[in-house]
N, C-alpha and C. Protein backbone atom coordinates (compact mmCIF):
# COMPACT_ATOMS: atom_id res chain seq x y z
N MET A 1 -8.71 -18.09 16.61
CA MET A 1 -7.91 -17.22 15.76
C MET A 1 -8.71 -15.97 15.46
N ASN A 2 -8.12 -14.82 15.73
CA ASN A 2 -8.75 -13.54 15.45
C ASN A 2 -8.27 -13.02 14.10
N LEU A 3 -9.21 -12.68 13.24
CA LEU A 3 -8.83 -12.09 11.96
C LEU A 3 -8.99 -10.59 12.06
N HIS A 4 -7.94 -9.88 11.73
CA HIS A 4 -7.94 -8.43 11.80
C HIS A 4 -8.04 -7.86 10.39
N PHE A 5 -8.82 -6.82 10.25
CA PHE A 5 -8.85 -6.10 9.00
C PHE A 5 -7.96 -4.89 9.17
N ARG A 6 -6.85 -4.88 8.45
CA ARG A 6 -5.91 -3.76 8.55
C ARG A 6 -6.25 -2.75 7.47
N GLU A 7 -6.42 -1.52 7.86
CA GLU A 7 -6.72 -0.45 6.91
C GLU A 7 -5.44 0.06 6.27
N LYS A 8 -5.57 0.50 5.04
CA LYS A 8 -4.42 1.08 4.34
C LYS A 8 -4.07 2.42 4.99
N SER A 9 -2.78 2.73 4.97
CA SER A 9 -2.32 3.99 5.56
C SER A 9 -2.76 5.16 4.68
N ALA A 10 -2.75 6.33 5.27
CA ALA A 10 -3.14 7.54 4.53
C ALA A 10 -2.21 7.78 3.35
N SER A 11 -0.92 7.53 3.53
CA SER A 11 0.03 7.76 2.44
C SER A 11 -0.22 6.79 1.28
N LEU A 12 -0.59 5.55 1.57
CA LEU A 12 -0.89 4.58 0.52
C LEU A 12 -2.16 4.99 -0.23
N LEU A 13 -3.16 5.42 0.49
CA LEU A 13 -4.40 5.87 -0.15
C LEU A 13 -4.15 7.09 -1.04
N LYS A 14 -3.33 8.03 -0.56
CA LYS A 14 -3.01 9.21 -1.34
C LYS A 14 -2.30 8.85 -2.63
N LEU A 15 -1.34 7.93 -2.54
CA LEU A 15 -0.61 7.52 -3.74
C LEU A 15 -1.54 6.83 -4.74
N GLU A 16 -2.47 6.02 -4.26
CA GLU A 16 -3.43 5.37 -5.16
C GLU A 16 -4.25 6.42 -5.91
N ILE A 17 -4.69 7.44 -5.21
CA ILE A 17 -5.51 8.48 -5.82
C ILE A 17 -4.69 9.31 -6.81
N ILE A 18 -3.46 9.64 -6.43
CA ILE A 18 -2.60 10.44 -7.31
C ILE A 18 -2.34 9.70 -8.61
N ILE A 19 -2.05 8.41 -8.54
CA ILE A 19 -1.77 7.63 -9.75
C ILE A 19 -2.98 7.61 -10.67
N GLN A 20 -4.16 7.51 -10.11
CA GLN A 20 -5.37 7.50 -10.92
C GLN A 20 -5.65 8.84 -11.59
N ARG A 21 -5.27 9.93 -10.95
CA ARG A 21 -5.64 11.26 -11.44
C ARG A 21 -4.61 11.89 -12.37
N LEU A 22 -3.36 11.45 -12.30
CA LEU A 22 -2.34 12.06 -13.17
C LEU A 22 -2.45 11.51 -14.59
N TYR A 23 -2.01 12.32 -15.52
CA TYR A 23 -1.96 11.88 -16.92
C TYR A 23 -0.95 10.75 -17.05
N LYS A 24 -1.22 9.83 -17.97
CA LYS A 24 -0.36 8.65 -18.14
C LYS A 24 1.07 9.03 -18.54
N LYS A 25 1.25 10.16 -19.20
CA LYS A 25 2.58 10.57 -19.67
C LYS A 25 3.24 11.58 -18.75
N ASP A 26 2.71 11.77 -17.57
CA ASP A 26 3.29 12.70 -16.60
C ASP A 26 4.68 12.20 -16.21
N PRO A 27 5.69 13.07 -16.21
CA PRO A 27 7.05 12.63 -15.89
C PRO A 27 7.23 12.17 -14.44
N ARG A 28 6.29 12.49 -13.56
CA ARG A 28 6.41 12.10 -12.15
C ARG A 28 5.87 10.71 -11.86
N ILE A 29 5.19 10.11 -12.83
CA ILE A 29 4.55 8.80 -12.62
C ILE A 29 5.54 7.73 -12.17
N PRO A 30 6.70 7.55 -12.82
CA PRO A 30 7.61 6.48 -12.37
C PRO A 30 8.03 6.62 -10.91
N GLU A 31 8.32 7.83 -10.48
CA GLU A 31 8.74 8.06 -9.09
C GLU A 31 7.58 7.76 -8.12
N ILE A 32 6.38 8.16 -8.50
CA ILE A 32 5.21 7.92 -7.65
C ILE A 32 4.91 6.43 -7.57
N LYS A 33 5.08 5.72 -8.69
CA LYS A 33 4.82 4.28 -8.69
C LYS A 33 5.82 3.53 -7.81
N VAL A 34 7.06 3.99 -7.78
CA VAL A 34 8.06 3.37 -6.90
C VAL A 34 7.64 3.55 -5.44
N ASP A 35 7.20 4.75 -5.10
CA ASP A 35 6.74 5.01 -3.73
C ASP A 35 5.51 4.16 -3.40
N PHE A 36 4.60 4.06 -4.37
CA PHE A 36 3.38 3.26 -4.16
C PHE A 36 3.73 1.80 -3.94
N GLU A 37 4.63 1.26 -4.76
CA GLU A 37 5.01 -0.15 -4.62
C GLU A 37 5.66 -0.42 -3.27
N ARG A 38 6.49 0.51 -2.81
CA ARG A 38 7.14 0.35 -1.50
C ARG A 38 6.10 0.34 -0.39
N GLU A 39 5.16 1.27 -0.44
CA GLU A 39 4.10 1.34 0.57
C GLU A 39 3.21 0.08 0.52
N MET A 40 2.90 -0.38 -0.69
CA MET A 40 2.03 -1.55 -0.83
C MET A 40 2.72 -2.80 -0.30
N LYS A 41 4.01 -2.94 -0.57
CA LYS A 41 4.75 -4.09 -0.03
C LYS A 41 4.76 -4.07 1.50
N GLY A 42 4.89 -2.90 2.07
CA GLY A 42 4.84 -2.77 3.52
C GLY A 42 3.48 -3.16 4.07
N PHE A 43 2.43 -2.73 3.39
CA PHE A 43 1.07 -3.07 3.80
C PHE A 43 0.83 -4.58 3.73
N ILE A 44 1.27 -5.20 2.65
CA ILE A 44 1.11 -6.65 2.51
C ILE A 44 1.93 -7.38 3.57
N GLY A 45 3.13 -6.89 3.86
CA GLY A 45 3.96 -7.49 4.90
C GLY A 45 3.29 -7.41 6.26
N GLU A 46 2.66 -6.29 6.55
CA GLU A 46 1.96 -6.15 7.83
C GLU A 46 0.80 -7.13 7.92
N GLN A 47 0.09 -7.34 6.82
CA GLN A 47 -1.00 -8.31 6.82
C GLN A 47 -0.49 -9.73 7.07
N LYS A 48 0.64 -10.05 6.46
CA LYS A 48 1.21 -11.39 6.66
C LYS A 48 1.64 -11.59 8.10
N ILE A 49 2.24 -10.57 8.69
CA ILE A 49 2.66 -10.67 10.09
C ILE A 49 1.45 -10.84 10.99
N ASP A 50 0.38 -10.09 10.71
CA ASP A 50 -0.85 -10.25 11.49
C ASP A 50 -1.35 -11.68 11.45
N TYR A 51 -1.31 -12.30 10.27
CA TYR A 51 -1.78 -13.68 10.13
C TYR A 51 -0.97 -14.61 11.03
N PHE A 52 0.34 -14.51 10.97
CA PHE A 52 1.19 -15.42 11.74
C PHE A 52 1.13 -15.14 13.24
N THR A 53 1.01 -13.90 13.63
CA THR A 53 0.91 -13.62 15.07
C THR A 53 -0.43 -14.09 15.64
N ASP A 54 -1.46 -14.11 14.79
CA ASP A 54 -2.76 -14.62 15.25
C ASP A 54 -2.72 -16.12 15.47
N LEU A 55 -1.79 -16.80 14.82
CA LEU A 55 -1.68 -18.25 14.99
C LEU A 55 -1.03 -18.61 16.32
N LEU A 56 -0.34 -17.68 16.93
CA LEU A 56 0.36 -17.96 18.20
C LEU A 56 -0.61 -18.11 19.36
């Protein structure tokens, strides 16, 4: 079984940095968090697929 380390995409890394740097009361935070959650779910899904395809 080969274990792969999947790197986060550039867009996911950018969103992580933006969330850390913006003020907590910034009106754009909810929209950015939605985008971040969508990207993070995709990243986690890719990791899960990698695990199962390595079992084949």
